[in-house]
PDB file of all heavy atoms in Angstrom:
ATOM      1  N   ARG A   1       1.183  19.432  16.518  1.00  0.00           N
ATOM      2  CA  ARG A   1       0.172  20.211  15.785  1.00  0.00           C
ATOM      3  C   ARG A   1      -0.977  19.300  15.390  1.00  0.00           C
ATOM      4  O   ARG A   1      -1.247  19.100  14.202  1.00  0.00           O
ATOM      5  CB  ARG A   1       0.815  20.868  14.543  1.00  0.00           C
ATOM      6  CG  ARG A   1      -0.024  22.030  13.986  1.00  0.00           C
ATOM      7  CD  ARG A   1       0.635  22.582  12.742  1.00  0.00           C
ATOM      8  NE  ARG A   1       1.946  23.146  12.993  1.00  0.00           N
ATOM      9  CZ  ARG A   1       2.740  23.621  12.058  1.00  0.00           C
ATOM     10  NH1 ARG A   1       2.358  23.583  10.779  1.00  0.00           N
ATOM     11  NH2 ARG A   1       3.929  24.115  12.398  1.00  0.00           N
ATOM     12  N   PRO A   2      -1.652  18.723  16.373  1.00  0.00           N
ATOM     13  CA  PRO A   2      -2.683  17.723  16.078  1.00  0.00           C
ATOM     14  C   PRO A   2      -3.861  18.227  15.266  1.00  0.00           C
ATOM     15  O   PRO A   2      -4.467  17.457  14.518  1.00  0.00           O
ATOM     16  CB  PRO A   2      -3.134  17.254  17.467  1.00  0.00           C
ATOM     17  CG  PRO A   2      -2.812  18.406  18.372  1.00  0.00           C
ATOM     18  CD  PRO A   2      -1.548  18.982  17.817  1.00  0.00           C
ATOM     19  N   PHE A   3      -4.183  19.510  15.383  1.00  0.00           N
ATOM     20  CA  PHE A   3      -5.353  20.039  14.668  1.00  0.00           C
ATOM     21  C   PHE A   3      -5.127  20.169  13.190  1.00  0.00           C
ATOM     22  O   PHE A   3      -6.096  20.417  12.444  1.00  0.00           O
ATOM     23  CB  PHE A   3      -5.748  21.393  15.276  1.00  0.00           C
ATOM     24  CG  PHE A   3      -6.011  21.343  16.742  1.00  0.00           C
ATOM     25  CD1 PHE A   3      -5.308  22.113  17.638  1.00  0.00           C
ATOM     26  CD2 PHE A   3      -7.021  20.516  17.248  1.00  0.00           C
ATOM     27  CE1 PHE A   3      -5.538  22.054  18.990  1.00  0.00           C
ATOM     28  CE2 PHE A   3      -7.288  20.452  18.596  1.00  0.00           C
ATOM     29  CZ  PHE A   3      -6.528  21.229  19.484  1.00  0.00           C
ATOM     30  N   SER A   4      -3.920  20.020  12.704  1.00  0.00           N
ATOM     31  CA  SER A   4      -3.648  20.062  11.276  1.00  0.00           C
ATOM     32  C   SER A   4      -4.002  18.749  10.570  1.00  0.00           C
ATOM     33  O   SER A   4      -4.007  18.698   9.356  1.00  0.00           O
ATOM     34  CB  SER A   4      -2.169  20.386  11.032  1.00  0.00           C
ATOM     35  OG  SER A   4      -1.322  19.347  11.478  1.00  0.00           O
ATOM     36  N   SER A   5      -4.270  17.716  11.347  1.00  0.00           N
ATOM     37  CA  SER A   5      -4.652  16.397  10.797  1.00  0.00           C
ATOM     38  C   SER A   5      -6.107  16.104  11.127  1.00  0.00           C
ATOM     39  O   SER A   5      -6.407  15.759  12.264  1.00  0.00           O
ATOM     40  CB  SER A   5      -3.755  15.316  11.351  1.00  0.00           C
ATOM     41  OG  SER A   5      -2.395  15.528  10.977  1.00  0.00           O
ATOM     42  N   PRO A   6      -7.007  16.207  10.154  1.00  0.00           N
ATOM     43  CA  PRO A   6      -8.428  15.998  10.433  1.00  0.00           C
ATOM     44  C   PRO A   6      -8.851  14.547  10.635  1.00  0.00           C
ATOM     45  O   PRO A   6      -9.967  14.317  11.067  1.00  0.00           O
ATOM     46  CB  PRO A   6      -9.115  16.598   9.185  1.00  0.00           C
ATOM     47  CG  PRO A   6      -8.077  16.469   8.105  1.00  0.00           C
ATOM     48  CD  PRO A   6      -6.779  16.664   8.779  1.00  0.00           C
ATOM     49  N   ALA A   7      -7.973  13.610  10.318  1.00  0.00           N
ATOM     50  CA  ALA A   7      -8.338  12.220  10.455  1.00  0.00           C
ATOM     51  C   ALA A   7      -7.234  11.411  11.116  1.00  0.00           C
ATOM     52  O   ALA A   7      -6.047  11.705  10.991  1.00  0.00           O
ATOM     53  CB  ALA A   7      -8.654  11.611   9.079  1.00  0.00           C
ATOM     54  N   MET A   8      -7.648  10.391  11.855  1.00  0.00           N
ATOM     55  CA  MET A   8      -6.738   9.461  12.502  1.00  0.00           C
ATOM     56  C   MET A   8      -7.139   8.050  12.115  1.00  0.00           C
ATOM     57  O   MET A   8      -8.305   7.769  11.878  1.00  0.00           O
ATOM     58  CB  MET A   8      -6.749   9.614  14.004  1.00  0.00           C
ATOM     59  CG  MET A   8      -6.281  10.966  14.512  1.00  0.00           C
ATOM     60  SD  MET A   8      -4.502  11.172  14.367  1.00  0.00           S
ATOM     61  CE  MET A   8      -3.935   9.979  15.601  1.00  0.00           C
ATOM     62  N   GLY A   9      -6.162   7.147  12.119  1.00  0.00           N
ATOM     63  CA  GLY A   9      -6.484   5.771  11.776  1.00  0.00           C
ATOM     64  C   GLY A   9      -5.575   4.789  12.475  1.00  0.00           C
ATOM     65  O   GLY A   9      -4.555   5.163  13.090  1.00  0.00           O
ATOM     66  N   TRP A  10      -5.962   3.530  12.396  1.00  0.00           N
ATOM     67  CA  TRP A  10      -5.181   2.418  12.916  1.00  0.00           C
ATOM     68  C   TRP A  10      -4.883   1.448  11.785  1.00  0.00           C
ATOM     69  O   TRP A  10      -5.769   1.132  10.989  1.00  0.00           O
ATOM     70  CB  TRP A  10      -5.912   1.682  14.041  1.00  0.00           C
ATOM     71  CG  TRP A  10      -6.014   2.463  15.322  1.00  0.00           C
ATOM     72  CD1 TRP A  10      -7.033   3.249  15.733  1.00  0.00           C
ATOM     73  CD2 TRP A  10      -5.036   2.493  16.364  1.00  0.00           C
ATOM     74  NE1 TRP A  10      -6.771   3.785  16.960  1.00  0.00           N
ATOM     75  CE2 TRP A  10      -5.541   3.340  17.369  1.00  0.00           C
ATOM     76  CE3 TRP A  10      -3.788   1.905  16.548  1.00  0.00           C
ATOM     77  CZ2 TRP A  10      -4.836   3.603  18.545  1.00  0.00           C
ATOM     78  CZ3 TRP A  10      -3.084   2.176  17.715  1.00  0.00           C
ATOM     79  CH2 TRP A  10      -3.597   3.012  18.694  1.00  0.00           C
ATOM     80  N   PHE A  11      -3.631   0.989  11.739  1.00  0.00           N
ATOM     81  CA  PHE A  11      -3.208  -0.011  10.773  1.00  0.00           C
ATOM     82  C   PHE A  11      -2.597  -1.171  11.543  1.00  0.00           C
ATOM     83  O   PHE A  11      -2.173  -1.042  12.683  1.00  0.00           O
ATOM     84  CB  PHE A  11      -2.161   0.560   9.818  1.00  0.00           C
ATOM     85  CG  PHE A  11      -2.719   1.534   8.816  1.00  0.00           C
ATOM     86  CD1 PHE A  11      -3.058   2.824   9.159  1.00  0.00           C
ATOM     87  CD2 PHE A  11      -2.907   1.136   7.484  1.00  0.00           C
ATOM     88  CE1 PHE A  11      -3.564   3.709   8.238  1.00  0.00           C
ATOM     89  CE2 PHE A  11      -3.393   2.022   6.549  1.00  0.00           C
ATOM     90  CZ  PHE A  11      -3.734   3.311   6.926  1.00  0.00           C
ATOM     91  N   ARG A  12      -2.486  -2.312  10.872  1.00  0.00           N
ATOM     92  CA  ARG A  12      -1.823  -3.453  11.473  1.00  0.00           C
ATOM     93  C   ARG A  12      -1.020  -4.191  10.415  1.00  0.00           C
ATOM     94  O   ARG A  12      -1.346  -4.161   9.237  1.00  0.00           O
ATOM     95  CB  ARG A  12      -2.802  -4.403  12.149  1.00  0.00           C
ATOM     96  CG  ARG A  12      -3.740  -5.134  11.195  1.00  0.00           C
ATOM     97  CD  ARG A  12      -4.772  -5.921  11.984  1.00  0.00           C
ATOM     98  NE  ARG A  12      -5.639  -6.714  11.117  1.00  0.00           N
ATOM     99  CZ  ARG A  12      -6.684  -7.389  11.553  1.00  0.00           C
ATOM    100  NH1 ARG A  12      -7.020  -7.405  12.861  1.00  0.00           N
ATOM    101  NH2 ARG A  12      -7.427  -8.091  10.690  1.00  0.00           N
ATOM    102  N   GLN A  13       0.042  -4.850  10.850  1.00  0.00           N
ATOM    103  CA  GLN A  13       0.887  -5.620   9.963  1.00  0.00           C
ATOM    104  C   GLN A  13       1.292  -6.919  10.643  1.00  0.00           C
ATOM    105  O   GLN A  13       2.009  -6.921  11.650  1.00  0.00           O
ATOM    106  CB  GLN A  13       2.138  -4.817   9.569  1.00  0.00           C
ATOM    107  CG  GLN A  13       2.997  -5.500   8.514  1.00  0.00           C
ATOM    108  CD  GLN A  13       4.048  -4.582   7.949  1.00  0.00           C
ATOM    109  OE1 GLN A  13       4.383  -3.558   8.553  1.00  0.00           O
ATOM    110  NE2 GLN A  13       4.538  -4.902   6.786  1.00  0.00           N
ATOM    111  N   ALA A  14       0.841  -8.019  10.059  1.00  0.00           N
ATOM    112  CA  ALA A  14       1.215  -9.351  10.542  1.00  0.00           C
ATOM    113  C   ALA A  14       2.490  -9.795   9.837  1.00  0.00           C
ATOM    114  O   ALA A  14       2.830  -9.299   8.760  1.00  0.00           O
ATOM    115  CB  ALA A  14       0.085 -10.324  10.249  1.00  0.00           C
ATOM    116  N   PRO A  15       3.220 -10.758  10.417  1.00  0.00           N
ATOM    117  CA  PRO A  15       4.456 -11.231   9.802  1.00  0.00           C
ATOM    118  C   PRO A  15       4.245 -11.722   8.368  1.00  0.00           C
ATOM    119  O   PRO A  15       3.344 -12.503   8.108  1.00  0.00           O
ATOM    120  CB  PRO A  15       4.885 -12.369  10.716  1.00  0.00           C
ATOM    121  CG  PRO A  15       4.298 -12.033  12.063  1.00  0.00           C
ATOM    122  CD  PRO A  15       2.998 -11.369  11.731  1.00  0.00           C
ATOM    123  N   GLY A  16       5.082 -11.224   7.453  1.00  0.00           N
ATOM    124  CA  GLY A  16       4.999 -11.649   6.056  1.00  0.00           C
ATOM    125  C   GLY A  16       3.872 -11.007   5.266  1.00  0.00           C
ATOM    126  O   GLY A  16       3.672 -11.374   4.101  1.00  0.00           O
ATOM    127  N   LYS A  17       3.147 -10.071   5.855  1.00  0.00           N
ATOM    128  CA  LYS A  17       2.026  -9.440   5.152  1.00  0.00           C
ATOM    129  C   LYS A  17       2.212  -7.940   5.069  1.00  0.00           C
ATOM    130  O   LYS A  17       3.007  -7.338   5.796  1.00  0.00           O
ATOM    131  CB  LYS A  17       0.707  -9.769   5.872  1.00  0.00           C
ATOM    132  CG  LYS A  17       0.309 -11.229   5.847  1.00  0.00           C
ATOM    133  CD  LYS A  17      -1.082 -11.444   6.442  1.00  0.00           C
ATOM    134  CE  LYS A  17      -1.482 -12.894   6.331  1.00  0.00           C
ATOM    135  NZ  LYS A  17      -2.857 -13.104   6.866  1.00  0.00           N
ATOM    136  N   GLU A  18       1.444  -7.315   4.164  1.00  0.00           N
ATOM    137  CA  GLU A  18       1.480  -5.877   4.019  1.00  0.00           C
ATOM    138  C   GLU A  18       0.711  -5.199   5.157  1.00  0.00           C
ATOM    139  O   GLU A  18      -0.169  -5.790   5.780  1.00  0.00           O
ATOM    140  CB  GLU A  18       0.837  -5.472   2.687  1.00  0.00           C
ATOM    141  CG  GLU A  18       1.562  -6.010   1.467  1.00  0.00           C
ATOM    142  CD  GLU A  18       2.923  -5.386   1.280  1.00  0.00           C
ATOM    143  OE1 GLU A  18       3.075  -4.166   1.592  1.00  0.00           O
ATOM    144  OE2 GLU A  18       3.835  -6.077   0.860  1.00  0.00           O
ATOM    145  N   ARG A  19       1.095  -3.954   5.452  1.00  0.00           N
ATOM    146  CA  ARG A  19       0.377  -3.178   6.448  1.00  0.00           C
ATOM    147  C   ARG A  19      -1.010  -2.845   5.912  1.00  0.00           C
ATOM    148  O   ARG A  19      -1.149  -2.369   4.781  1.00  0.00           O
ATOM    149  CB  ARG A  19       1.144  -1.910   6.770  1.00  0.00           C
ATOM    150  CG  ARG A  19       0.582  -1.117   7.913  1.00  0.00           C
ATOM    151  CD  ARG A  19       1.479   0.067   8.298  1.00  0.00           C
ATOM    152  NE  ARG A  19       2.804  -0.384   8.717  1.00  0.00           N
ATOM    153  CZ  ARG A  19       3.746   0.450   9.137  1.00  0.00           C
ATOM    154  NH1 ARG A  19       3.539   1.745   9.182  1.00  0.00           N
ATOM    155  NH2 ARG A  19       4.926  -0.046   9.495  1.00  0.00           N
ATOM    156  N   GLU A  20      -2.033  -3.134   6.706  1.00  0.00           N
ATOM    157  CA  GLU A  20      -3.406  -2.947   6.249  1.00  0.00           C
ATOM    158  C   GLU A  20      -4.189  -2.009   7.165  1.00  0.00           C
ATOM    159  O   GLU A  20      -3.972  -1.961   8.378  1.00  0.00           O
ATOM    160  CB  GLU A  20      -4.130  -4.297   6.141  1.00  0.00           C
ATOM    161  CG  GLU A  20      -4.319  -5.004   7.470  1.00  0.00           C
ATOM    162  CD  GLU A  20      -5.123  -6.290   7.346  1.00  0.00           C
ATOM    163  OE1 GLU A  20      -5.690  -6.546   6.259  1.00  0.00           O
ATOM    164  OE2 GLU A  20      -5.168  -7.060   8.337  1.00  0.00           O
ATOM    165  N   PHE A  21      -5.118  -1.306   6.577  1.00  0.00           N
ATOM    166  CA  PHE A  21      -6.009  -0.409   7.301  1.00  0.00           C
ATOM    167  C   PHE A  21      -6.962  -1.186   8.181  1.00  0.00           C
ATOM    168  O   PHE A  21      -7.502  -2.212   7.763  1.00  0.00           O
ATOM    169  CB  PHE A  21      -6.789   0.445   6.299  1.00  0.00           C
ATOM    170  CG  PHE A  21      -7.863   1.290   6.918  1.00  0.00           C
ATOM    171  CD1 PHE A  21      -7.556   2.505   7.533  1.00  0.00           C
ATOM    172  CD2 PHE A  21      -9.176   0.887   6.914  1.00  0.00           C
ATOM    173  CE1 PHE A  21      -8.523   3.283   8.106  1.00  0.00           C
ATOM    174  CE2 PHE A  21     -10.176   1.656   7.474  1.00  0.00           C
ATOM    175  CZ  PHE A  21      -9.846   2.851   8.078  1.00  0.00           C
ATOM    176  N   VAL A  22      -7.185  -0.701   9.391  1.00  0.00           N
ATOM    177  CA  VAL A  22      -8.089  -1.321  10.357  1.00  0.00           C
ATOM    178  C   VAL A  22      -9.309  -0.456  10.627  1.00  0.00           C
ATOM    179  O   VAL A  22     -10.450  -0.913  10.514  1.00  0.00           O
ATOM    180  CB  VAL A  22      -7.372  -1.646  11.662  1.00  0.00           C
ATOM    181  CG1 VAL A  22      -8.386  -2.212  12.683  1.00  0.00           C
ATOM    182  CG2 VAL A  22      -6.230  -2.635  11.430  1.00  0.00           C
ATOM    183  N   ALA A  23      -9.086   0.798  11.022  1.00  0.00           N
ATOM    184  CA  ALA A  23     -10.187   1.688  11.367  1.00  0.00           C
ATOM    185  C   ALA A  23      -9.750   3.134  11.272  1.00  0.00           C
ATOM    186  O   ALA A  23      -8.557   3.433  11.396  1.00  0.00           O
ATOM    187  CB  ALA A  23     -10.671   1.405  12.811  1.00  0.00           C
ATOM    188  N   GLY A  24     -10.704   4.043  11.030  1.00  0.00           N
ATOM    189  CA  GLY A  24     -10.394   5.453  10.921  1.00  0.00           C
ATOM    190  C   GLY A  24     -11.467   6.278  11.566  1.00  0.00           C
ATOM    191  O   GLY A  24     -12.586   5.829  11.796  1.00  0.00           O
ATOM    192  N   ILE A  25     -11.126   7.539  11.925  1.00  0.00           N
ATOM    193  CA  ILE A  25     -12.041   8.449  12.560  1.00  0.00           C
ATOM    194  C   ILE A  25     -11.697   9.879  12.166  1.00  0.00           C
ATOM    195  O   ILE A  25     -10.528  10.223  12.020  1.00  0.00           O
ATOM    196  CB  ILE A  25     -12.057   8.270  14.091  1.00  0.00           C
ATOM    197  CG1 ILE A  25     -13.176   9.080  14.728  1.00  0.00           C
ATOM    198  CG2 ILE A  25     -10.691   8.630  14.693  1.00  0.00           C
ATOM    199  CD1 ILE A  25     -13.401   8.715  16.197  1.00  0.00           C
ATOM    200  N   ASN A  26     -12.732  10.705  11.985  1.00  0.00           N
ATOM    201  CA  ASN A  26     -12.551  12.124  11.716  1.00  0.00           C
ATOM    202  C   ASN A  26     -12.639  12.886  13.023  1.00  0.00           C
ATOM    203  O   ASN A  26     -13.580  12.672  13.802  1.00  0.00           O
ATOM    204  CB  ASN A  26     -13.598  12.653  10.744  1.00  0.00           C
ATOM    205  CG  ASN A  26     -13.500  12.016   9.379  1.00  0.00           C
ATOM    206  OD1 ASN A  26     -12.402  11.692   8.904  1.00  0.00           O
ATOM    207  ND2 ASN A  26     -14.627  11.837   8.714  1.00  0.00           N
ATOM    208  N   TRP A  27     -11.690  13.769  13.298  1.00  0.00           N
ATOM    209  CA  TRP A  27     -11.685  14.538  14.543  1.00  0.00           C
ATOM    210  C   TRP A  27     -12.978  15.352  14.696  1.00  0.00           C
ATOM    211  O   TRP A  27     -13.602  15.325  15.746  1.00  0.00           O
ATOM    212  CB  TRP A  27     -10.503  15.488  14.595  1.00  0.00           C
ATOM    213  CG  TRP A  27      -9.204  14.846  14.981  1.00  0.00           C
ATOM    214  CD1 TRP A  27      -8.122  14.653  14.194  1.00  0.00           C
ATOM    215  CD2 TRP A  27      -8.850  14.346  16.286  1.00  0.00           C
ATOM    216  NE1 TRP A  27      -7.098  14.053  14.893  1.00  0.00           N
ATOM    217  CE2 TRP A  27      -7.525  13.850  16.191  1.00  0.00           C
ATOM    218  CE3 TRP A  27      -9.521  14.258  17.502  1.00  0.00           C
ATOM    219  CZ2 TRP A  27      -6.857  13.295  17.272  1.00  0.00           C
ATOM    220  CZ3 TRP A  27      -8.859  13.703  18.583  1.00  0.00           C
ATOM    221  CH2 TRP A  27      -7.529  13.217  18.457  1.00  0.00           C
ATOM    222  N   ASN A  28     -13.329  16.082  13.639  1.00  0.00           N
ATOM    223  CA  ASN A  28     -14.505  16.931  13.678  1.00  0.00           C
ATOM    224  C   ASN A  28     -15.724  16.129  13.235  1.00  0.00           C
ATOM    225  O   ASN A  28     -15.879  15.805  12.074  1.00  0.00           O
ATOM    226  CB  ASN A  28     -14.310  18.147  12.782  1.00  0.00           C
ATOM    227  CG  ASN A  28     -15.378  19.199  12.969  1.00  0.00           C
ATOM    228  OD1 ASN A  28     -16.270  19.044  13.781  1.00  0.00           O
ATOM    229  ND2 ASN A  28     -15.289  20.285  12.223  1.00  0.00           N
ATOM    230  N   GLY A  29     -16.592  15.820  14.184  1.00  0.00           N
ATOM    231  CA  GLY A  29     -17.806  15.045  13.916  1.00  0.00           C
ATOM    232  C   GLY A  29     -17.721  13.616  14.388  1.00  0.00           C
ATOM    233  O   GLY A  29     -18.746  13.038  14.761  1.00  0.00           O
ATOM    234  N   GLY A  30     -16.531  13.061  14.386  1.00  0.00           N
ATOM    235  CA  GLY A  30     -16.326  11.735  14.936  1.00  0.00           C
ATOM    236  C   GLY A  30     -16.802  10.582  14.064  1.00  0.00           C
ATOM    237  O   GLY A  30     -16.999   9.467  14.575  1.00  0.00           O
ATOM    238  N   SER A  31     -17.016  10.791  12.767  1.00  0.00           N
ATOM    239  CA  SER A  31     -17.426   9.710  11.879  1.00  0.00           C
ATOM    240  C   SER A  31     -16.344   8.636  11.862  1.00  0.00           C
ATOM    241  O   SER A  31     -15.151   8.913  11.811  1.00  0.00           O
ATOM    242  CB  SER A  31     -17.652  10.223  10.457  1.00  0.00           C
ATOM    243  OG  SER A  31     -18.712  11.171  10.427  1.00  0.00           O
ATOM    244  N   THR A  32     -16.783   7.384  11.871  1.00  0.00           N
ATOM    245  CA  THR A  32     -15.865   6.265  11.905  1.00  0.00           C
ATOM    246  C   THR A  32     -16.058   5.346  10.721  1.00  0.00           C
ATOM    247  O   THR A  32     -17.140   5.289  10.113  1.00  0.00           O
ATOM    248  CB  THR A  32     -16.043   5.434  13.190  1.00  0.00           C
ATOM    249  OG1 THR A  32     -17.403   4.919  13.266  1.00  0.00           O
ATOM    250  CG2 THR A  32     -15.786   6.296  14.417  1.00  0.00           C
ATOM    251  N   TYR A  33     -15.016   4.579  10.384  1.00  0.00           N
ATOM    252  CA  TYR A  33     -15.094   3.633   9.290  1.00  0.00           C
ATOM    253  C   TYR A  33     -14.090   2.510   9.561  1.00  0.00           C
ATOM    254  O   TYR A  33     -13.057   2.721  10.188  1.00  0.00           O
ATOM    255  CB  TYR A  33     -14.823   4.310   7.940  1.00  0.00           C
ATOM    256  CG  TYR A  33     -13.726   5.348   7.957  1.00  0.00           C
ATOM    257  CD1 TYR A  33     -12.449   5.042   7.482  1.00  0.00           C
ATOM    258  CD2 TYR A  33     -13.956   6.637   8.430  1.00  0.00           C
ATOM    259  CE1 TYR A  33     -11.430   5.988   7.510  1.00  0.00           C
ATOM    260  CE2 TYR A  33     -12.958   7.587   8.459  1.00  0.00           C
ATOM    261  CZ  TYR A  33     -11.700   7.265   7.990  1.00  0.00           C
ATOM    262  OH  TYR A  33     -10.692   8.204   8.020  1.00  0.00           O
ATOM    263  N   TYR A  34     -14.415   1.292   9.080  1.00  0.00           N
ATOM    264  CA  TYR A  34     -13.661   0.101   9.470  1.00  0.00           C
ATOM    265  C   TYR A  34     -13.396  -0.827   8.281  1.00  0.00           C
ATOM    266  O   TYR A  34     -14.150  -0.852   7.296  1.00  0.00           O
ATOM    267  CB  TYR A  34     -14.443  -0.722  10.495  1.00  0.00           C
ATOM    268  CG  TYR A  34     -14.760   0.038  11.773  1.00  0.00           C
ATOM    269  CD1 TYR A  34     -15.917   0.816  11.884  1.00  0.00           C
ATOM    270  CD2 TYR A  34     -13.915  -0.039  12.857  1.00  0.00           C
ATOM    271  CE1 TYR A  34     -16.201   1.509  13.046  1.00  0.00           C
ATOM    272  CE2 TYR A  34     -14.203   0.640  14.039  1.00  0.00           C
ATOM    273  CZ  TYR A  34     -15.343   1.406  14.126  1.00  0.00           C
ATOM    274  OH  TYR A  34     -15.619   2.064  15.303  1.00  0.00           O
ATOM    275  N   ALA A  35     -12.346  -1.634   8.431  1.00  0.00           N
ATOM    276  CA  ALA A  35     -12.140  -2.744   7.537  1.00  0.00           C
ATOM    277  C   ALA A  35     -13.207  -3.804   7.828  1.00  0.00           C
ATOM    278  O   ALA A  35     -13.617  -3.975   8.972  1.00  0.00           O
ATOM    279  CB  ALA A  35     -10.755  -3.322   7.719  1.00  0.00           C
ATOM    280  N   ASP A  36     -13.597  -4.533   6.792  1.00  0.00           N
ATOM    281  CA  ASP A  36     -14.634  -5.546   6.957  1.00  0.00           C
ATOM    282  C   ASP A  36     -14.251  -6.610   7.978  1.00  0.00           C
ATOM    283  O   ASP A  36     -15.118  -7.167   8.666  1.00  0.00           O
ATOM    284  CB  ASP A  36     -14.949  -6.205   5.610  1.00  0.00           C
ATOM    285  CG  ASP A  36     -15.691  -5.291   4.670  1.00  0.00           C
ATOM    286  OD1 ASP A  36     -16.277  -4.295   5.111  1.00  0.00           O
ATOM    287  OD2 ASP A  36     -15.688  -5.590   3.440  1.00  0.00           O
ATOM    288  N   SER A  37     -12.976  -6.911   8.071  1.00  0.00           N
ATOM    289  CA  SER A  37     -12.511  -7.966   8.946  1.00  0.00           C
ATOM    290  C   SER A  37     -12.678  -7.675  10.443  1.00  0.00           C
ATOM    291  O   SER A  37     -12.656  -8.605  11.241  1.00  0.00           O
ATOM    292  CB  SER A  37     -11.035  -8.288   8.664  1.00  0.00           C
ATOM    293  OG  SER A  37     -10.226  -7.131   8.871  1.00  0.00           O
ATOM    294  N   VAL A  38     -12.857  -6.392  10.787  1.00  0.00           N
ATOM    295  CA  VAL A  38     -12.950  -6.020  12.205  1.00  0.00           C
ATOM    296  C   VAL A  38     -14.286  -5.377  12.544  1.00  0.00           C
ATOM    297  O   VAL A  38     -14.568  -5.169  13.736  1.00  0.00           O
ATOM    298  CB  VAL A  38     -11.818  -5.114  12.647  1.00  0.00           C
ATOM    299  CG1 VAL A  38     -10.460  -5.724  12.313  1.00  0.00           C
ATOM    300  CG2 VAL A  38     -11.958  -3.723  12.003  1.00  0.00           C
TER     301      VAL A  38
END
């Protein structure tokens, strides 16, 4: 049911670290947003 989720994102987790946000996108319109590191 992909249309029930208006946003998608990518996270990453390095050894010994917390899972962190990398990038996101809205399905409708395609607006994007990123972590400063990437």
